[in-house]
Amino acid sequence: MELSSLTAISAIDGRYRNQVQHLDEYFSEYALMKYRVLVEVEYLLFLSHKKVFKLSAKAAEQLTLVKDNFSIEQAQEIKDIEKVTNHDVKAVEYFIKKQLDKIGETGVKEWVHFGLTSQDINNTSIPLSWKHALEFEYLPAVFNLVAELKVLARQWKGIPMLARTHGQPASPTTLGKELMVFIERTENQIEQLINIPISAKFGGATGNFNAHYIAFPKKDWIGFANEFIQDTLGLQRLQFTTQIEHYDNLAAGFDCIKRINTILIDLCRDIWSYISQDYFKQKVKKGEVGSSAMPHKVNPIDFENAEGNLGLANALLEHLSAKLPVSRLQRDLTDSTVLRNIGVPFAHTILAFKSIDKGLNKLVLNTDKINSDLENNWAVVAEAIQTVLRREQYPNPYEALKDLTRGNKKIDKAAIQKFIDGLKIPVTLKKELKVITPQNYIGKCPEY
């Protein structure tokens, strides 16, 4: 069968293709070739700029056009060359040399890929594509998600809600504050992610510029490479490497995204629980079906889909961050096939963001149910009463409230008020205690 969204083995290139197909600009085979061409051309231009050799204005213009307008057809041309070379990076080198042949600049061809090994190209191309994917896709998506949560948190700031610890009724909280917990956690991890350097390896066959220095022993190739990687490509050059980058910073990025995903899994499960408790209703879209057998059902499928995609992404990110920093001696090839898959967990993560966004926009607050749960759990004010009694040095207040509230007894407003009336305390203190309700015993949190 021909490859299509219906015949693709991966759901990313099949069922979900229309939602994440724009990511092929960063993670496809075409993208890898595009970024390799970019690095090779920028390196050649930088060699000329630093007067290692002279590149004509005509050649520089032609190569810049190729770099800036790289096409699927040109990627296929490289693929056809690779069928002969059986080496993907060498095919890119030959492709660029062919571009020079087309304009009669044959005398400078051997400066293409001068002194480099394949990983000087791969370990700059892949970090650069990762950097662009983070900046243009991931960070805008996660910032938008956080912004949406903040809108809801402010909207629901004044909604008192029964908290549950160990699944049991606990001191009331507010719905807005509970969302702020996830917002703060996510923002902390985003800040860490932004501060992780995106690093590259660029130093020849085993990281020592052997070929460069044997050809031009008086040239500062280390300074040259540092400037090229930092100023031209916008990456951080690792100073001590083997043939490959050690991937520690890349792994740190994967781990950070994994933590953000874990926080969002936690969010999805909490919202799922609130929906199951009827704290939220869900908007119904005409024509949609919740169950093939039960017509009444409106399932929280968006949060379930998000949880599934985040879990799958995390499983892959875990392998990536554990495997990539490990390589035998100066280099083995296990990183090559693994690196080709970094777009898969990235895509599952973006899918999850879309699902969460969709799910949040379906939520309809059910204040009647939220208030009903508070009214049915007056026992939660026992903490408040016993704390005030402690302040007043009342003997054994905790034990008195424990005897009242534990067990299968019905504790409602009347029972609490009767208990207060029976306390041997001043009338003014009784009035203070009677003001406390499940709705107003919500404490204080920072402004947001």
Protein backbone atom coordinates (compact mmCIF):
# COMPACT_ATOMS: atom_id res chain seq x y z
CA MET A 1 0.00 0.00 0.00
CA GLU A 2 1.05 3.57 -0.63
CA LEU A 3 1.87 5.59 2.48
CA SER A 4 -1.01 7.81 3.57
CA SER A 5 -2.63 8.91 6.81
CA LEU A 6 -4.66 5.68 6.62
CA THR A 7 -1.72 3.33 6.02
CA ALA A 8 0.89 4.94 8.28
CA ILE A 9 2.11 2.70 11.11
CA SER A 10 2.68 5.60 13.48
CA ALA A 11 -0.40 7.46 14.75
CA ILE A 12 1.64 10.66 14.50
CA ASP A 13 1.85 10.26 10.72
CA GLY A 14 -1.57 8.64 10.51
CA ARG A 15 -4.56 9.49 12.68
CA TYR A 16 -3.04 12.69 14.06
CA ARG A 17 -1.20 13.83 10.95
CA ASN A 18 -3.40 16.86 10.34
CA GLN A 19 -2.73 18.17 13.88
CA VAL A 20 1.07 17.86 13.91
CA GLN A 21 2.17 17.83 10.28
CA HIS A 22 3.78 21.27 10.68
CA LEU A 23 6.40 19.64 12.91
CA ASP A 24 7.95 17.99 9.86
CA GLU A 25 9.84 21.29 9.41
CA TYR A 26 11.95 20.27 12.43
CA PHE A 27 11.93 16.50 12.79
CA SER A 28 11.43 14.78 9.42
CA GLU A 29 14.12 13.32 7.18
CA TYR A 30 13.60 16.36 4.97
CA ALA A 31 14.17 18.63 7.98
CA LEU A 32 17.38 16.85 8.92
CA MET A 33 18.70 17.35 5.38
CA LYS A 34 17.59 21.01 5.44
CA TYR A 35 19.45 21.69 8.67
CA ARG A 36 22.52 19.77 7.48
CA VAL A 37 22.64 21.88 4.32
CA LEU A 38 22.24 25.00 6.43
CA VAL A 39 25.20 24.09 8.66
CA GLU A 40 27.44 23.02 5.77
CA VAL A 41 26.74 26.23 3.85
CA GLU A 42 27.12 28.48 6.90
CA TYR A 43 30.44 26.77 7.68
CA LEU A 44 31.69 27.32 4.13
CA LEU A 45 30.63 30.97 4.24
CA PHE A 46 32.32 31.39 7.63
CA LEU A 47 35.57 29.88 6.34
CA SER A 48 35.52 32.44 3.56
CA HIS A 49 34.58 35.26 5.94
CA LYS A 50 37.56 34.35 8.14
CA LYS A 51 39.81 34.37 5.04
CA VAL A 52 40.72 30.70 5.19
CA PHE A 53 39.93 30.72 1.45
CA LYS A 54 38.13 33.06 -0.97
CA LEU A 55 34.56 32.39 -2.05
CA SER A 56 33.19 34.52 -4.85
CA ALA A 57 30.10 36.67 -4.32
CA LYS A 58 28.34 34.61 -7.00
CA ALA A 59 29.03 31.35 -5.17
CA ALA A 60 28.04 32.82 -1.80
CA GLU A 61 24.77 34.08 -3.27
CA GLN A 62 23.97 30.71 -4.89
CA LEU A 63 24.69 28.74 -1.71
CA THR A 64 22.67 31.17 0.39
CA LEU A 65 19.72 30.69 -1.95
CA VAL A 66 20.01 26.91 -1.60
CA LYS A 67 20.19 27.19 2.19
CA ASP A 68 17.28 29.59 2.49
CA ASN A 69 15.01 27.91 -0.06
CA PHE A 70 15.75 24.24 0.47
CA SER A 71 13.02 22.15 -1.12
CA ILE A 72 11.57 18.65 -1.03
CA GLU A 73 12.97 18.13 -4.52
CA GLN A 74 16.47 18.96 -3.33
CA ALA A 75 16.03 16.63 -0.37
CA GLN A 76 15.13 13.88 -2.82
CA GLU A 77 18.25 14.73 -4.82
CA ILE A 78 20.35 14.18 -1.68
CA LYS A 79 18.50 10.92 -1.07
CA ASP A 80 19.36 9.76 -4.57
CA ILE A 81 23.05 10.58 -3.97
CA GLU A 82 22.87 8.64 -0.70
CA LYS A 83 21.80 5.53 -2.62
CA VAL A 84 25.29 5.60 -4.15
CA THR A 85 27.35 6.80 -1.17
CA ASN A 86 25.42 4.83 1.45
CA HIS A 87 26.31 7.72 3.74
CA ASP A 88 23.79 10.46 4.51
CA VAL A 89 26.14 13.32 5.44
CA LYS A 90 28.53 12.60 2.56
CA ALA A 91 25.50 12.84 0.28
CA VAL A 92 24.87 16.37 1.60
CA GLU A 93 28.50 17.29 0.92
CA TYR A 94 28.25 16.03 -2.67
CA PHE A 95 24.95 17.88 -3.13
CA ILE A 96 26.56 21.18 -2.16
CA LYS A 97 29.52 20.50 -4.44
CA LYS A 98 27.05 19.95 -7.29
CA GLN A 99 25.57 23.40 -6.61
CA LEU A 100 29.06 24.86 -7.04
CA ASP A 101 29.55 22.87 -10.24
CA LYS A 102 26.36 24.39 -11.65
CA ILE A 103 27.85 27.88 -11.50
CA GLY A 104 31.35 26.87 -12.52
CA GLU A 105 32.91 27.32 -9.06
CA THR A 106 34.74 23.99 -9.14
CA GLY A 107 37.95 25.39 -7.64
CA VAL A 108 36.46 25.82 -4.15
CA LYS A 109 34.63 22.50 -3.87
CA GLU A 110 37.13 20.87 -1.54
CA TRP A 111 36.47 23.51 1.10
CA VAL A 112 33.02 21.99 1.54
CA HIS A 113 33.07 19.92 4.76
CA PHE A 114 36.72 20.91 5.27
CA GLY A 115 38.29 19.07 8.22
CA LEU A 116 34.92 17.91 9.52
CA THR A 117 33.40 14.60 10.46
CA SER A 118 29.73 13.74 10.06
CA GLN A 119 28.93 14.45 13.69
CA ASP A 120 30.16 18.03 13.37
CA ILE A 121 27.17 18.42 11.07
CA ASN A 122 24.70 16.17 12.88
CA ASN A 123 25.53 17.52 16.33
CA THR A 124 24.89 21.06 15.17
CA SER A 125 21.93 20.37 12.86
CA ILE A 126 19.88 18.43 15.39
CA PRO A 127 20.42 20.84 18.30
CA LEU A 128 19.55 23.72 15.96
CA SER A 129 16.32 22.05 14.83
CA TRP A 130 15.52 21.28 18.50
CA LYS A 131 16.17 24.92 19.41
CA HIS A 132 13.84 26.14 16.68
CA ALA A 133 11.14 23.62 17.59
CA LEU A 134 11.25 24.76 21.22
CA GLU A 135 11.19 28.45 20.32
CA PHE A 136 8.59 28.35 17.55
CA GLU A 137 6.34 25.46 18.63
CA TYR A 138 6.76 24.15 22.17
CA LEU A 139 7.19 27.34 24.20
CA PRO A 140 4.33 29.22 22.48
CA ALA A 141 2.07 26.19 22.99
CA VAL A 142 2.88 25.69 26.66
CA PHE A 143 2.72 29.45 27.38
CA ASN A 144 -0.71 29.59 25.73
CA LEU A 145 -1.88 26.66 27.83
CA VAL A 146 -0.66 28.32 31.04
CA ALA A 147 -2.33 31.59 30.00
CA GLU A 148 -5.62 29.77 29.48
CA LEU A 149 -5.35 28.17 32.91
CA LYS A 150 -4.68 31.60 34.43
CA VAL A 151 -7.86 32.98 32.87
CA LEU A 152 -9.86 30.15 34.44
CA ALA A 153 -8.04 30.48 37.77
CA ARG A 154 -9.00 34.16 37.99
CA GLN A 155 -12.53 33.43 36.80
CA TRP A 156 -12.96 30.78 39.52
CA LYS A 157 -10.98 32.63 42.17
CA GLY A 158 -13.99 33.10 44.45
CA ILE A 159 -15.42 29.59 44.11
CA PRO A 160 -15.10 27.74 47.45
CA MET A 161 -14.71 24.00 47.01
CA LEU A 162 -14.41 20.97 49.21
CA ALA A 163 -10.84 19.71 49.19
CA ARG A 164 -10.05 16.03 49.40
CA THR A 165 -6.92 14.53 50.92
CA HIS A 166 -6.57 10.75 50.68
CA GLY A 167 -9.87 10.98 48.82
CA GLN A 168 -11.63 12.13 52.02
CA PRO A 169 -13.27 15.52 52.71
CA ALA A 170 -10.70 18.04 53.94
CA SER A 171 -10.39 21.75 54.72
CA PRO A 172 -12.07 23.72 51.92
CA THR A 173 -10.09 25.43 49.20
CA THR A 174 -10.94 27.49 46.14
CA LEU A 175 -11.14 26.19 42.61
CA GLY A 176 -9.00 29.04 41.30
CA LYS A 177 -6.20 28.36 43.78
CA GLU A 178 -6.16 24.68 42.87
CA LEU A 179 -5.50 25.65 39.24
CA MET A 180 -2.78 28.05 40.41
CA VAL A 181 -0.95 25.06 41.89
CA PHE A 182 -0.54 23.60 38.40
CA ILE A 183 0.28 26.99 36.91
CA GLU A 184 3.09 27.63 39.38
CA ARG A 185 4.51 24.13 38.98
CA THR A 186 4.47 24.40 35.18
CA GLU A 187 5.97 27.89 35.10
CA ASN A 188 8.83 26.80 37.37
CA GLN A 189 9.70 23.99 34.98
CA ILE A 190 9.38 26.22 31.92
CA GLU A 191 11.91 28.58 33.48
CA GLN A 192 14.30 25.68 34.02
CA LEU A 193 13.81 24.51 30.43
CA ILE A 194 14.56 27.98 29.02
CA ASN A 195 17.79 28.13 31.03
CA ILE A 196 19.14 24.79 29.77
CA PRO A 197 21.86 25.52 27.17
CA ILE A 198 21.37 24.04 23.73
CA SER A 199 24.81 22.75 22.96
CA ALA A 200 26.66 21.46 19.93
CA LYS A 201 29.77 19.48 19.13
CA PHE A 202 32.13 20.88 16.52
CA GLY A 203 35.74 19.71 16.59
CA GLY A 204 36.63 17.17 13.95
CA ALA A 205 36.90 13.40 14.00
CA THR A 206 37.49 12.96 17.74
CA GLY A 207 36.94 16.49 19.03
CA ASN A 208 40.54 17.78 18.77
CA PHE A 209 40.57 19.57 15.38
CA ASN A 210 43.26 17.16 14.23
CA ALA A 211 42.70 17.78 10.52
CA HIS A 212 42.27 21.53 10.91
CA TYR A 213 45.49 22.02 12.84
CA ILE A 214 47.56 19.74 10.59
CA ALA A 215 46.49 21.87 7.62
CA PHE A 216 46.77 25.30 9.31
CA PRO A 217 48.76 24.86 12.55
CA LYS A 218 48.94 28.56 13.34
CA LYS A 219 45.21 29.25 13.09
CA ASP A 220 43.07 29.42 16.24
CA TRP A 221 40.56 26.78 15.24
CA ILE A 222 39.11 26.54 18.74
CA GLY A 223 38.30 30.25 18.72
CA PHE A 224 37.03 29.91 15.15
CA ALA A 225 34.64 27.10 16.11
CA ASN A 226 33.42 28.86 19.24
CA GLU A 227 32.56 31.95 17.24
CA PHE A 228 30.91 29.98 14.44
CA ILE A 229 28.72 27.90 16.75
CA GLN A 230 27.77 30.75 19.06
CA ASP A 231 27.46 33.76 16.76
CA THR A 232 26.37 32.13 13.50
CA LEU A 233 24.22 29.24 14.75
CA GLY A 234 23.23 30.57 18.17
CA LEU A 235 24.26 27.41 20.03
CA GLN A 236 26.77 26.73 22.81
CA ARG A 237 29.87 24.85 21.73
CA LEU A 238 31.06 22.08 24.05
CA GLN A 239 34.81 22.41 24.60
CA PHE A 240 35.71 18.78 25.35
CA THR A 241 34.03 16.05 23.32
CA THR A 242 34.63 12.74 21.64
CA GLN A 243 33.44 12.32 18.06
CA ILE A 244 29.93 13.15 19.24
CA GLU A 245 28.20 15.55 21.57
CA HIS A 246 27.65 14.00 24.99
CA TYR A 247 23.95 15.02 24.93
CA ASP A 248 23.78 15.90 28.63
CA ASN A 249 22.02 19.21 27.98
CA LEU A 250 19.69 17.64 25.44
CA ALA A 251 18.83 14.97 28.01
CA ALA A 252 18.19 17.71 30.59
CA GLY A 253 15.74 19.30 28.16
CA PHE A 254 13.96 15.99 27.66
CA ASP A 255 13.74 15.48 31.42
CA CYS A 256 12.35 18.96 31.94
CA ILE A 257 9.64 18.45 29.32
CA LYS A 258 8.92 15.10 30.94
CA ARG A 259 8.36 16.85 34.29
CA ILE A 260 6.02 19.38 32.66
CA ASN A 261 4.14 16.48 31.09
CA THR A 262 3.88 14.77 34.47
CA ILE A 263 2.43 17.94 36.01
CA LEU A 264 -0.12 18.08 33.19
CA ILE A 265 -1.01 14.42 33.70
CA ASP A 266 -1.74 15.35 37.31
CA LEU A 267 -3.92 18.25 36.08
CA CYS A 268 -5.82 16.01 33.66
CA ARG A 269 -6.55 13.45 36.37
CA ASP A 270 -7.79 16.11 38.79
CA ILE A 271 -10.10 17.69 36.22
CA TRP A 272 -11.28 14.21 35.24
CA SER A 273 -12.13 13.62 38.90
CA TYR A 274 -13.98 16.94 39.18
CA ILE A 275 -16.00 16.02 36.10
CA SER A 276 -16.83 12.62 37.63
CA GLN A 277 -17.94 14.42 40.83
CA ASP A 278 -20.18 16.62 38.68
CA TYR A 279 -18.30 19.80 39.61
CA PHE A 280 -18.03 20.40 35.88
CA LYS A 281 -20.51 19.75 33.14
CA GLN A 282 -19.22 19.58 29.56
CA LYS A 283 -20.46 21.46 26.54
CA VAL A 284 -21.99 19.12 24.00
CA LYS A 285 -21.17 19.45 20.32
CA LYS A 286 -24.01 18.57 18.00
CA GLY A 287 -23.54 15.20 16.35
CA GLU A 288 -20.92 13.91 18.80
CA VAL A 289 -21.40 10.55 20.49
CA GLY A 290 -20.10 9.75 23.98
CA SER A 291 -20.73 6.01 23.92
CA SER A 292 -21.67 3.49 21.25
CA ALA A 293 -24.17 1.94 23.68
CA MET A 294 -25.18 4.60 26.23
CA PRO A 295 -26.73 7.68 24.60
CA HIS A 296 -26.58 9.82 27.77
CA LYS A 297 -22.81 9.80 28.17
CA VAL A 298 -20.56 12.83 27.70
CA ASN A 299 -17.10 11.44 28.39
CA PRO A 300 -14.05 13.52 29.46
CA ILE A 301 -12.19 12.17 26.43
CA ASP A 302 -10.00 15.22 25.85
CA PHE A 303 -8.33 14.89 29.25
CA GLU A 304 -8.05 11.12 28.79
CA ASN A 305 -6.46 11.55 25.35
CA ALA A 306 -4.08 14.14 26.76
CA GLU A 307 -3.07 11.82 29.59
CA GLY A 308 -2.41 9.00 27.14
CA ASN A 309 -0.30 11.17 24.82
CA LEU A 310 1.64 12.68 27.71
CA GLY A 311 2.37 9.22 29.11
CA LEU A 312 3.57 7.95 25.74
CA ALA A 313 5.74 11.04 25.28
CA ASN A 314 7.27 10.54 28.72
CA ALA A 315 8.12 6.91 28.04
CA LEU A 316 10.04 7.95 24.93
CA LEU A 317 11.65 10.97 26.60
CA GLU A 318 12.81 8.69 29.43
CA HIS A 319 14.57 6.42 26.95
CA LEU A 320 16.09 9.36 25.07
CA SER A 321 17.50 11.01 28.18
CA ALA A 322 18.82 7.71 29.56
CA LYS A 323 20.34 6.42 26.31
CA LEU A 324 21.84 9.40 24.52
CA PRO A 325 24.49 10.39 27.11
CA VAL A 326 25.94 6.85 26.94
CA SER A 327 28.32 5.99 24.08
CA ARG A 328 31.17 3.46 23.89
CA LEU A 329 34.62 5.05 23.97
CA GLN A 330 34.92 7.86 21.41
CA ARG A 331 31.72 6.95 19.57
CA ASP A 332 29.22 4.26 18.72
CA LEU A 333 26.27 4.58 16.36
CA THR A 334 23.42 3.99 18.81
CA ASP A 335 22.68 7.71 19.03
CA SER A 336 22.01 7.99 15.30
CA THR A 337 18.77 6.02 15.11
CA VAL A 338 17.57 7.31 18.49
CA LEU A 339 18.03 10.97 17.52
CA ARG A 340 15.81 10.46 14.50
CA ASN A 341 12.91 9.87 16.89
CA ILE A 342 13.00 12.98 19.07
CA GLY A 343 10.12 14.43 17.09
CA VAL A 344 7.81 11.61 18.18
CA PRO A 345 7.51 12.50 21.90
CA PHE A 346 7.53 16.17 20.91
CA ALA A 347 4.52 15.57 18.65
CA HIS A 348 2.67 13.55 21.30
CA THR A 349 3.26 16.41 23.74
CA ILE A 350 1.86 19.00 21.33
CA LEU A 351 -1.15 16.73 20.72
CA ALA A 352 -1.73 16.59 24.47
CA PHE A 353 -1.63 20.39 24.72
CA LYS A 354 -4.28 20.59 22.02
CA SER A 355 -6.47 18.06 23.83
CA ILE A 356 -6.18 19.88 27.16
CA ASP A 357 -7.05 23.16 25.46
CA LYS A 358 -10.08 21.56 23.84
CA GLY A 359 -11.17 19.99 27.12
CA LEU A 360 -10.81 23.21 29.12
CA ASN A 361 -13.02 25.02 26.62
CA LYS A 362 -15.77 22.46 27.16
CA LEU A 363 -15.95 22.90 30.94
CA VAL A 364 -19.09 24.41 32.47
CA LEU A 365 -18.94 25.10 36.19
CA ASN A 366 -21.64 23.41 38.28
CA THR A 367 -21.72 25.66 41.35
CA ASP A 368 -24.83 23.95 42.74
CA LYS A 369 -23.00 20.63 43.05
CA ILE A 370 -19.86 22.26 44.46
CA ASN A 371 -21.89 24.09 47.12
CA SER A 372 -23.93 20.98 47.86
CA ASP A 373 -20.77 19.04 48.66
CA LEU A 374 -19.68 21.77 51.06
CA GLU A 375 -23.09 21.76 52.76
CA ASN A 376 -22.95 17.98 53.13
CA ASN A 377 -19.56 18.13 54.83
CA TRP A 378 -19.84 20.46 57.79
CA ALA A 379 -17.38 18.24 59.63
CA VAL A 380 -14.56 20.06 57.77
CA VAL A 381 -15.01 23.12 60.01
CA ALA A 382 -13.97 21.01 63.00
CA GLU A 383 -10.35 21.98 62.31
CA ALA A 384 -11.31 25.66 62.47
CA ILE A 385 -13.26 25.30 65.71
CA GLN A 386 -10.59 23.29 67.52
CA THR A 387 -7.89 25.74 66.41
CA VAL A 388 -9.78 28.73 67.80
CA LEU A 389 -10.39 26.77 71.03
CA ARG A 390 -6.66 26.04 71.22
CA ARG A 391 -6.04 29.77 70.97
CA GLU A 392 -8.37 30.25 73.92
CA GLN A 393 -6.61 27.50 75.90
CA TYR A 394 -9.77 25.39 75.98
CA PRO A 395 -8.91 21.91 77.37
CA ASN A 396 -8.53 19.08 74.82
CA PRO A 397 -10.35 20.74 71.90
CA TYR A 398 -8.99 18.31 69.31
CA GLU A 399 -10.28 15.33 71.22
CA ALA A 400 -13.68 16.96 71.72
CA LEU A 401 -14.07 17.60 67.99
CA LYS A 402 -12.76 14.14 67.14
CA ASP A 403 -15.46 12.53 69.27
CA LEU A 404 -18.07 14.67 67.54
CA THR A 405 -17.04 14.20 63.93
CA ARG A 406 -15.52 10.73 63.50
CA GLY A 407 -17.66 7.75 62.58
CA ASN A 408 -20.90 7.44 60.66
CA LYS A 409 -22.76 10.25 62.42
CA LYS A 410 -24.47 12.90 60.31
CA ILE A 411 -22.64 16.18 60.86
CA ASP A 412 -24.54 19.15 59.53
CA LYS A 413 -24.86 22.80 60.44
CA ALA A 414 -27.30 22.04 63.23
CA ALA A 415 -24.97 19.46 64.80
CA ILE A 416 -22.02 21.88 64.72
CA GLN A 417 -24.07 24.71 66.22
CA LYS A 418 -25.42 22.42 68.93
CA PHE A 419 -21.86 21.39 69.78
CA ILE A 420 -20.80 25.05 70.03
CA ASP A 421 -23.76 25.86 72.23
CA GLY A 422 -22.69 23.10 74.62
CA LEU A 423 -19.18 24.49 75.09
CA LYS A 424 -18.39 26.27 78.33
CA ILE A 425 -17.06 29.39 76.64
CA PRO A 426 -18.13 33.05 76.49
CA VAL A 427 -21.09 33.99 74.29
CA THR A 428 -18.85 36.24 72.17
CA LEU A 429 -16.62 33.27 71.37
CA LYS A 430 -19.63 31.13 70.50
CA LYS A 431 -20.72 33.83 68.03
CA GLU A 432 -17.24 33.83 66.52
CA LEU A 433 -17.33 30.07 66.03
CA LYS A 434 -20.84 30.07 64.56
CA VAL A 435 -19.75 32.41 61.77
CA ILE A 436 -17.47 29.69 60.41
CA THR A 437 -18.96 27.73 57.48
CA PRO A 438 -17.58 25.34 54.89
CA GLN A 439 -18.01 28.14 52.35
CA ASN A 440 -15.94 30.76 54.18
CA TYR A 441 -13.33 28.53 55.81
CA ILE A 442 -11.03 28.79 52.81
CA GLY A 443 -7.90 30.38 54.27
CA LYS A 444 -5.72 32.74 52.28
CA CYS A 445 -3.37 32.42 49.35
CA PRO A 446 -1.27 34.99 47.45
CA GLU A 447 -3.00 37.29 44.98
CA TYR A 448 -3.17 36.08 41.40
